Amino acid sequence: MYNADIHGYNTDYPHDLGVVLGNGPSRDRDRKHYDGALTYGCNTIHKEMTVNVLVCMDAWYQFEVIASGYPAEHECLFGGWNPMPIEIPPDSLNPSHYDLYEYNPEDRKRADSWYYYATSAEDYERAVKENYTMPYWKPDCGYVCWATEGYIIKEVDYGVLPIGDLRPPSGAYALQEALRGGHDRVEVFGFDSIAGVFSTTSQITYNKHDIDDKKMIDDRLDKWMTFYKTVTEHYNKIEIIWHTKKD
């Protein structure tokens, strides 16, 4: 039986089924397969549909979600969520030799806190080399996103996937969140990487999809599968159904 207390969901939902939604091609954009189920989504899915729980692990995705206003009415789980109170000026914490960039300055007047990350010169050069820079990134720069009072954002429960040198993807945490919710069955859509298909609408950090670099694809698949295996083995009594474009 579903534990509704974890997220405070409306008990009118049939809580026996949880649906985890990635952004790969197997996800039904018409949502017909998900109506009536409790949904867990990742990253930019909020641009296309609402979900009961949105999971974002990377700060640049989180900035997008905050600035969109989505957390005003929808629960979000963020990795590394540690907002600073508005009374503390960002300049006081930003290194003195760093520039400071405001992601959403128009929201500052109604904000009660702000969220921060930074790119050192080394971080920036590595991102340029690996082709995943954001347009606003610069070397030695801090980035501020103003968060409005009342936004429904919580720190993700890292569970069996603590952050180490390699950060697990948002999808692994979304799957874990669904499995720990107590559903009798969890169905997974849009995680086509498990079938070797890496095209996705939300891969900010990879601008070229389905490339021919077999080694990179194999490396990514091995790393991602390790994280998903860790979660599924821990919650091995719950039925999981994986849907891919190859179905």
C-alpha atoms as a PDB file:
ATOM      1  CA  MET A   1       0.000   0.000   0.000  1.00  0.00           C
ATOM      2  CA  TYR A   2       1.249   3.482  -0.875  1.00  0.00           C
ATOM      3  CA  ASN A   3       2.603   5.659   1.925  1.00  0.00           C
ATOM      4  CA  ALA A   4       0.826   8.942   1.174  1.00  0.00           C
ATOM      5  CA  ASP A   5       2.525  10.697   4.083  1.00  0.00           C
ATOM      6  CA  ILE A   6       5.888  10.807   2.307  1.00  0.00           C
ATOM      7  CA  HIS A   7       4.771  13.564  -0.067  1.00  0.00           C
ATOM      8  CA  GLY A   8       1.355  14.469   1.290  1.00  0.00           C
ATOM      9  CA  TYR A   9      -0.449  13.457  -1.895  1.00  0.00           C
ATOM     10  CA  ASN A  10      -4.179  13.557  -2.381  1.00  0.00           C
ATOM     11  CA  THR A  11      -5.449  10.105  -1.438  1.00  0.00           C
ATOM     12  CA  ASP A  12      -7.906  10.181  -4.351  1.00  0.00           C
ATOM     13  CA  TYR A  13      -5.061   8.827  -6.512  1.00  0.00           C
ATOM     14  CA  PRO A  14      -4.791   5.047  -6.978  1.00  0.00           C
ATOM     15  CA  HIS A  15      -1.479   4.841  -5.153  1.00  0.00           C
ATOM     16  CA  ASP A  16      -0.726   1.247  -6.109  1.00  0.00           C
ATOM     17  CA  LEU A  17       0.934   2.479  -9.339  1.00  0.00           C
ATOM     18  CA  GLY A  18       3.877   4.854  -9.619  1.00  0.00           C
ATOM     19  CA  VAL A  19       5.159   6.099 -12.973  1.00  0.00           C
ATOM     20  CA  VAL A  20       8.690   7.401 -13.458  1.00  0.00           C
ATOM     21  CA  LEU A  21       9.144   9.611 -16.522  1.00  0.00           C
ATOM     22  CA  GLY A  22      12.426  10.382 -18.225  1.00  0.00           C
ATOM     23  CA  ASN A  23      12.797  12.563 -21.292  1.00  0.00           C
ATOM     24  CA  GLY A  24      13.688   9.921 -23.862  1.00  0.00           C
ATOM     25  CA  PRO A  25      11.667   9.022 -26.970  1.00  0.00           C
ATOM     26  CA  SER A  26       9.638   6.251 -25.314  1.00  0.00           C
ATOM     27  CA  ARG A  27       7.761   8.739 -23.132  1.00  0.00           C
ATOM     28  CA  ASP A  28       4.171   9.255 -24.260  1.00  0.00           C
ATOM     29  CA  ARG A  29       3.834  12.999 -24.853  1.00  0.00           C
ATOM     30  CA  ASP A  30       0.036  12.655 -24.797  1.00  0.00           C
ATOM     31  CA  ARG A  31       0.217  11.252 -21.252  1.00  0.00           C
ATOM     32  CA  LYS A  32      -2.540   8.701 -21.913  1.00  0.00           C
ATOM     33  CA  HIS A  33      -0.551   5.945 -20.202  1.00  0.00           C
ATOM     34  CA  TYR A  34      -0.059   7.982 -17.030  1.00  0.00           C
ATOM     35  CA  ASP A  35      -3.492   9.342 -16.201  1.00  0.00           C
ATOM     36  CA  GLY A  36      -4.531   8.372 -12.689  1.00  0.00           C
ATOM     37  CA  ALA A  37      -1.025   7.325 -11.634  1.00  0.00           C
ATOM     38  CA  LEU A  38       1.395   9.128  -9.360  1.00  0.00           C
ATOM     39  CA  THR A  39       4.158  10.570 -11.558  1.00  0.00           C
ATOM     40  CA  TYR A  40       7.831  11.279 -10.912  1.00  0.00           C
ATOM     41  CA  GLY A  41       9.663  13.308 -13.565  1.00  0.00           C
ATOM     42  CA  CYS A  42      13.120  14.653 -14.310  1.00  0.00           C
ATOM     43  CA  ASN A  43      14.681  17.969 -15.241  1.00  0.00           C
ATOM     44  CA  THR A  44      12.959  19.727 -18.174  1.00  0.00           C
ATOM     45  CA  ILE A  45       9.799  17.602 -18.212  1.00  0.00           C
ATOM     46  CA  HIS A  46       8.066  20.506 -16.440  1.00  0.00           C
ATOM     47  CA  LYS A  47       8.084  22.396 -19.759  1.00  0.00           C
ATOM     48  CA  GLU A  48       5.745  19.804 -21.293  1.00  0.00           C
ATOM     49  CA  MET A  49       3.659  18.491 -18.410  1.00  0.00           C
ATOM     50  CA  THR A  50       3.255  18.607 -14.661  1.00  0.00           C
ATOM     51  CA  VAL A  51       4.298  15.703 -12.457  1.00  0.00           C
ATOM     52  CA  ASN A  52       3.649  14.980  -8.815  1.00  0.00           C
ATOM     53  CA  VAL A  53       7.368  15.056  -8.013  1.00  0.00           C
ATOM     54  CA  LEU A  54      10.047  16.737 -10.141  1.00  0.00           C
ATOM     55  CA  VAL A  55      13.647  15.650  -9.475  1.00  0.00           C
ATOM     56  CA  CYS A  56      16.629  17.770 -10.564  1.00  0.00           C
ATOM     57  CA  MET A  57      20.187  17.048  -9.508  1.00  0.00           C
ATOM     58  CA  ASP A  58      22.158  19.635 -11.505  1.00  0.00           C
ATOM     59  CA  ALA A  59      22.127  23.304 -10.544  1.00  0.00           C
ATOM     60  CA  TRP A  60      21.620  24.611 -14.093  1.00  0.00           C
ATOM     61  CA  TYR A  61      18.423  22.537 -14.423  1.00  0.00           C
ATOM     62  CA  GLN A  62      17.359  23.722 -10.986  1.00  0.00           C
ATOM     63  CA  PHE A  63      17.850  27.364 -11.989  1.00  0.00           C
ATOM     64  CA  GLU A  64      15.569  26.816 -14.992  1.00  0.00           C
ATOM     65  CA  VAL A  65      12.865  25.252 -12.819  1.00  0.00           C
ATOM     66  CA  ILE A  66      13.034  27.981 -10.161  1.00  0.00           C
ATOM     67  CA  ALA A  67      12.892  30.805 -12.706  1.00  0.00           C
ATOM     68  CA  SER A  68       9.910  29.180 -14.459  1.00  0.00           C
ATOM     69  CA  GLY A  69       7.760  29.475 -11.322  1.00  0.00           C
ATOM     70  CA  TYR A  70       6.934  25.763 -11.463  1.00  0.00           C
ATOM     71  CA  PRO A  71       7.743  25.155  -7.728  1.00  0.00           C
ATOM     72  CA  ALA A  72       5.001  27.567  -6.690  1.00  0.00           C
ATOM     73  CA  GLU A  73       2.436  24.772  -7.074  1.00  0.00           C
ATOM     74  CA  HIS A  74       4.417  21.574  -7.649  1.00  0.00           C
ATOM     75  CA  GLU A  75       6.785  19.634  -5.426  1.00  0.00           C
ATOM     76  CA  CYS A  76      10.435  19.601  -6.489  1.00  0.00           C
ATOM     77  CA  LEU A  77      13.325  17.588  -5.092  1.00  0.00           C
ATOM     78  CA  PHE A  78      16.755  19.118  -5.704  1.00  0.00           C
ATOM     79  CA  GLY A  79      20.208  17.714  -5.123  1.00  0.00           C
ATOM     80  CA  GLY A  80      22.391  20.033  -3.054  1.00  0.00           C
ATOM     81  CA  TRP A  81      19.475  22.320  -2.213  1.00  0.00           C
ATOM     82  CA  ASN A  82      20.821  24.825   0.303  1.00  0.00           C
ATOM     83  CA  PRO A  83      19.287  28.274  -0.300  1.00  0.00           C
ATOM     84  CA  MET A  84      20.630  31.311   1.507  1.00  0.00           C
ATOM     85  CA  PRO A  85      18.301  33.793   3.278  1.00  0.00           C
ATOM     86  CA  ILE A  86      17.702  37.051   1.450  1.00  0.00           C
ATOM     87  CA  GLU A  87      19.355  38.982   4.288  1.00  0.00           C
ATOM     88  CA  ILE A  88      22.759  37.605   3.268  1.00  0.00           C
ATOM     89  CA  PRO A  89      24.004  39.396   0.128  1.00  0.00           C
ATOM     90  CA  PRO A  90      25.482  37.081  -2.523  1.00  0.00           C
ATOM     91  CA  ASP A  91      28.531  39.340  -2.827  1.00  0.00           C
ATOM     92  CA  SER A  92      29.508  38.463   0.730  1.00  0.00           C
ATOM     93  CA  LEU A  93      29.910  34.752  -0.118  1.00  0.00           C
ATOM     94  CA  ASN A  94      31.148  34.979  -3.699  1.00  0.00           C
ATOM     95  CA  PRO A  95      34.985  34.802  -3.916  1.00  0.00           C
ATOM     96  CA  SER A  96      36.404  38.302  -4.307  1.00  0.00           C
ATOM     97  CA  HIS A  97      38.036  37.542  -7.673  1.00  0.00           C
ATOM     98  CA  TYR A  98      34.860  35.961  -9.106  1.00  0.00           C
ATOM     99  CA  ASP A  99      32.279  37.752 -11.220  1.00  0.00           C
ATOM    100  CA  LEU A 100      28.651  37.409 -10.143  1.00  0.00           C
ATOM    101  CA  TYR A 101      25.824  36.630 -12.568  1.00  0.00           C
ATOM    102  CA  GLU A 102      22.133  36.919 -11.658  1.00  0.00           C
ATOM    103  CA  TYR A 103      20.125  34.293 -13.532  1.00  0.00           C
ATOM    104  CA  ASN A 104      16.673  35.803 -12.874  1.00  0.00           C
ATOM    105  CA  PRO A 105      17.127  39.402 -11.626  1.00  0.00           C
ATOM    106  CA  GLU A 106      13.462  40.145 -12.292  1.00  0.00           C
ATOM    107  CA  ASP A 107      12.507  37.858  -9.372  1.00  0.00           C
ATOM    108  CA  ARG A 108      14.735  39.523  -6.794  1.00  0.00           C
ATOM    109  CA  LYS A 109      12.066  41.876  -5.405  1.00  0.00           C
ATOM    110  CA  ARG A 110       9.745  39.028  -4.427  1.00  0.00           C
ATOM    111  CA  ALA A 111      12.421  36.534  -3.345  1.00  0.00           C
ATOM    112  CA  ASP A 112      13.021  35.394   0.210  1.00  0.00           C
ATOM    113  CA  SER A 113      16.191  33.389  -0.557  1.00  0.00           C
ATOM    114  CA  TRP A 114      18.744  32.727  -3.249  1.00  0.00           C
ATOM    115  CA  TYR A 115      20.516  29.683  -4.629  1.00  0.00           C
ATOM    116  CA  TYR A 116      24.117  29.585  -5.812  1.00  0.00           C
ATOM    117  CA  TYR A 117      26.722  27.652  -7.744  1.00  0.00           C
ATOM    118  CA  ALA A 118      30.008  28.642  -9.379  1.00  0.00           C
ATOM    119  CA  THR A 119      32.441  27.704 -12.119  1.00  0.00           C
ATOM    120  CA  SER A 120      36.136  28.098 -11.451  1.00  0.00           C
ATOM    121  CA  ALA A 121      38.504  28.658 -14.353  1.00  0.00           C
ATOM    122  CA  GLU A 122      39.303  24.934 -14.254  1.00  0.00           C
ATOM    123  CA  ASP A 123      35.605  23.988 -14.195  1.00  0.00           C
ATOM    124  CA  TYR A 124      34.918  26.223 -17.157  1.00  0.00           C
ATOM    125  CA  GLU A 125      37.814  24.957 -19.259  1.00  0.00           C
ATOM    126  CA  ARG A 126      36.794  21.351 -18.596  1.00  0.00           C
ATOM    127  CA  ALA A 127      33.208  22.137 -19.594  1.00  0.00           C
ATOM    128  CA  VAL A 128      34.392  23.796 -22.808  1.00  0.00           C
ATOM    129  CA  LYS A 129      36.573  20.799 -23.620  1.00  0.00           C
ATOM    130  CA  GLU A 130      33.693  18.379 -23.014  1.00  0.00           C
ATOM    131  CA  ASN A 131      31.199  20.609 -24.855  1.00  0.00           C
ATOM    132  CA  TYR A 132      28.631  21.181 -22.115  1.00  0.00           C
ATOM    133  CA  THR A 133      28.860  24.858 -21.201  1.00  0.00           C
ATOM    134  CA  MET A 134      25.817  26.984 -20.498  1.00  0.00           C
ATOM    135  CA  PRO A 135      25.607  30.214 -22.542  1.00  0.00           C
ATOM    136  CA  TYR A 136      26.009  32.327 -19.405  1.00  0.00           C
ATOM    137  CA  TRP A 137      28.955  30.451 -17.906  1.00  0.00           C
ATOM    138  CA  LYS A 138      32.314  32.164 -17.477  1.00  0.00           C
ATOM    139  CA  PRO A 139      35.577  31.200 -15.777  1.00  0.00           C
ATOM    140  CA  ASP A 140      35.739  32.224 -12.120  1.00  0.00           C
ATOM    141  CA  CYS A 141      32.098  33.230 -11.838  1.00  0.00           C
ATOM    142  CA  GLY A 142      29.303  32.702  -9.326  1.00  0.00           C
ATOM    143  CA  TYR A 143      25.650  32.349 -10.356  1.00  0.00           C
ATOM    144  CA  VAL A 144      22.637  33.412  -8.322  1.00  0.00           C
ATOM    145  CA  CYS A 145      19.016  32.373  -8.759  1.00  0.00           C
ATOM    146  CA  TRP A 146      16.412  34.194  -6.675  1.00  0.00           C
ATOM    147  CA  ALA A 147      13.805  31.911  -5.068  1.00  0.00           C
ATOM    148  CA  THR A 148      10.341  33.178  -4.237  1.00  0.00           C
ATOM    149  CA  GLU A 149       8.774  32.603  -0.828  1.00  0.00           C
ATOM    150  CA  GLY A 150       6.589  29.525  -0.604  1.00  0.00           C
ATOM    151  CA  TYR A 151       8.251  27.524  -3.361  1.00  0.00           C
ATOM    152  CA  ILE A 152       7.831  23.771  -2.747  1.00  0.00           C
ATOM    153  CA  ILE A 153      11.452  22.662  -2.973  1.00  0.00           C
ATOM    154  CA  LYS A 154      13.094  20.057  -0.754  1.00  0.00           C
ATOM    155  CA  GLU A 155      16.478  18.387  -0.588  1.00  0.00           C
ATOM    156  CA  VAL A 156      16.368  15.009  -2.300  1.00  0.00           C
ATOM    157  CA  ASP A 157      16.682  11.945  -0.062  1.00  0.00           C
ATOM    158  CA  TYR A 158      19.928  10.433  -1.359  1.00  0.00           C
ATOM    159  CA  GLY A 159      19.092   7.008   0.065  1.00  0.00           C
ATOM    160  CA  VAL A 160      21.318   4.315  -1.447  1.00  0.00           C
ATOM    161  CA  LEU A 161      22.693   6.776  -4.031  1.00  0.00           C
ATOM    162  CA  PRO A 162      24.843   9.276  -2.117  1.00  0.00           C
ATOM    163  CA  ILE A 163      26.701  11.807  -4.236  1.00  0.00           C
ATOM    164  CA  GLY A 164      30.375  10.967  -4.719  1.00  0.00           C
ATOM    165  CA  ASP A 165      32.945  11.828  -7.368  1.00  0.00           C
ATOM    166  CA  LEU A 166      30.401  10.807 -10.004  1.00  0.00           C
ATOM    167  CA  ARG A 167      26.915  12.254  -9.526  1.00  0.00           C
ATOM    168  CA  PRO A 168      24.086   9.823 -10.341  1.00  0.00           C
ATOM    169  CA  PRO A 169      21.560  11.118 -12.876  1.00  0.00           C
ATOM    170  CA  SER A 170      18.256  12.667 -11.864  1.00  0.00           C
ATOM    171  CA  GLY A 171      16.467   9.602 -13.223  1.00  0.00           C
ATOM    172  CA  ALA A 172      18.114   7.306 -10.713  1.00  0.00           C
ATOM    173  CA  TYR A 173      16.889   9.478  -7.843  1.00  0.00           C
ATOM    174  CA  ALA A 174      13.405   9.759  -9.360  1.00  0.00           C
ATOM    175  CA  LEU A 175      13.248   5.967  -9.611  1.00  0.00           C
ATOM    176  CA  GLN A 176      14.432   5.628  -6.026  1.00  0.00           C
ATOM    177  CA  GLU A 177      11.796   8.135  -4.884  1.00  0.00           C
ATOM    178  CA  ALA A 178       9.051   6.109  -6.566  1.00  0.00           C
ATOM    179  CA  LEU A 179      10.321   2.818  -5.157  1.00  0.00           C
ATOM    180  CA  ARG A 180      10.560   4.128  -1.628  1.00  0.00           C
ATOM    181  CA  GLY A 181       7.017   5.489  -1.917  1.00  0.00           C
ATOM    182  CA  GLY A 182       5.538   2.038  -1.380  1.00  0.00           C
ATOM    183  CA  HIS A 183       3.804   1.491  -4.718  1.00  0.00           C
ATOM    184  CA  ASP A 184       2.911  -2.081  -5.601  1.00  0.00           C
ATOM    185  CA  ARG A 185       4.193  -1.523  -9.133  1.00  0.00           C
ATOM    186  CA  VAL A 186       6.424   1.086 -10.762  1.00  0.00           C
ATOM    187  CA  GLU A 187       6.478   1.649 -14.517  1.00  0.00           C
ATOM    188  CA  VAL A 188       9.338   3.530 -16.169  1.00  0.00           C
ATOM    189  CA  PHE A 189       9.084   5.471 -19.444  1.00  0.00           C
ATOM    190  CA  GLY A 190      11.588   7.628 -21.271  1.00  0.00           C
ATOM    191  CA  PHE A 191      14.732   5.984 -19.908  1.00  0.00           C
ATOM    192  CA  ASP A 192      15.843   4.697 -23.286  1.00  0.00           C
ATOM    193  CA  SER A 193      19.501   4.658 -22.293  1.00  0.00           C
ATOM    194  CA  ILE A 194      18.902   1.191 -20.880  1.00  0.00           C
ATOM    195  CA  ALA A 195      18.321   0.099 -24.478  1.00  0.00           C
ATOM    196  CA  GLY A 196      21.296   2.060 -25.802  1.00  0.00           C
ATOM    197  CA  VAL A 197      19.246   5.031 -27.078  1.00  0.00           C
ATOM    198  CA  PHE A 198      20.577   8.314 -25.724  1.00  0.00           C
ATOM    199  CA  SER A 199      18.399  10.849 -27.535  1.00  0.00           C
ATOM    200  CA  THR A 200      16.583  13.006 -24.995  1.00  0.00           C
ATOM    201  CA  THR A 201      14.925  16.403 -24.895  1.00  0.00           C
ATOM    202  CA  SER A 202      16.666  17.534 -21.703  1.00  0.00           C
ATOM    203  CA  GLN A 203      20.337  16.748 -22.205  1.00  0.00           C
ATOM    204  CA  ILE A 204      21.728  20.215 -21.729  1.00  0.00           C
ATOM    205  CA  THR A 205      25.191  18.767 -21.241  1.00  0.00           C
ATOM    206  CA  TYR A 206      25.193  16.790 -24.472  1.00  0.00           C
ATOM    207  CA  ASN A 207      24.368  18.827 -27.554  1.00  0.00           C
ATOM    208  CA  LYS A 208      24.766  16.012 -30.071  1.00  0.00           C
ATOM    209  CA  HIS A 209      22.486  13.010 -29.568  1.00  0.00           C
ATOM    210  CA  ASP A 210      22.890   9.455 -30.772  1.00  0.00           C
ATOM    211  CA  ILE A 211      26.480  10.079 -31.805  1.00  0.00           C
ATOM    212  CA  ASP A 212      28.739   7.388 -33.234  1.00  0.00           C
ATOM    213  CA  ASP A 213      31.293   7.474 -30.406  1.00  0.00           C
ATOM    214  CA  LYS A 214      30.690   3.918 -29.201  1.00  0.00           C
ATOM    215  CA  LYS A 215      33.169   4.168 -26.320  1.00  0.00           C
ATOM    216  CA  MET A 216      31.460   7.250 -24.866  1.00  0.00           C
ATOM    217  CA  ILE A 217      28.052   5.617 -25.201  1.00  0.00           C
ATOM    218  CA  ASP A 218      29.273   2.397 -23.594  1.00  0.00           C
ATOM    219  CA  ASP A 219      30.918   4.316 -20.744  1.00  0.00           C
ATOM    220  CA  ARG A 220      27.768   6.312 -20.064  1.00  0.00           C
ATOM    221  CA  LEU A 221      25.587   3.236 -20.204  1.00  0.00           C
ATOM    222  CA  ASP A 222      27.853   1.317 -17.803  1.00  0.00           C
ATOM    223  CA  LYS A 223      27.844   4.171 -15.285  1.00  0.00           C
ATOM    224  CA  TRP A 224      24.103   4.777 -15.505  1.00  0.00           C
ATOM    225  CA  MET A 225      23.259   1.100 -15.289  1.00  0.00           C
ATOM    226  CA  THR A 226      25.332   0.798 -12.118  1.00  0.00           C
ATOM    227  CA  PHE A 227      23.197   3.450 -10.450  1.00  0.00           C
ATOM    228  CA  TYR A 228      19.906   1.930 -11.591  1.00  0.00           C
ATOM    229  CA  LYS A 229      21.093  -1.532 -10.541  1.00  0.00           C
ATOM    230  CA  THR A 230      21.936  -0.223  -7.067  1.00  0.00           C
ATOM    231  CA  VAL A 231      18.418   1.152  -6.648  1.00  0.00           C
ATOM    232  CA  THR A 232      16.530  -1.800  -8.092  1.00  0.00           C
ATOM    233  CA  GLU A 233      18.512  -4.352  -6.092  1.00  0.00           C
ATOM    234  CA  HIS A 234      17.785  -2.450  -2.885  1.00  0.00           C
ATOM    235  CA  TYR A 235      14.036  -2.371  -3.621  1.00  0.00           C
ATOM    236  CA  ASN A 236      13.897  -5.810  -5.224  1.00  0.00           C
ATOM    237  CA  LYS A 237      10.468  -6.732  -3.849  1.00  0.00           C
ATOM    238  CA  ILE A 238       8.690  -4.100  -5.940  1.00  0.00           C
ATOM    239  CA  GLU A 239       7.672  -4.894  -9.512  1.00  0.00           C
ATOM    240  CA  ILE A 240       9.341  -2.590 -12.043  1.00  0.00           C
ATOM    241  CA  ILE A 241       8.288  -2.478 -15.697  1.00  0.00           C
ATOM    242  CA  TRP A 242      10.703  -0.749 -18.097  1.00  0.00           C
ATOM    243  CA  HIS A 243       9.318   0.694 -21.329  1.00  0.00           C
ATOM    244  CA  THR A 244      11.635   1.735 -24.158  1.00  0.00           C
ATOM    245  CA  LYS A 245      11.261   2.784 -27.765  1.00  0.00           C
ATOM    246  CA  LYS A 246      12.264  -0.747 -28.689  1.00  0.00           C
ATOM    247  CA  ASP A 247       9.135  -2.198 -27.049  1.00  0.00           C
END
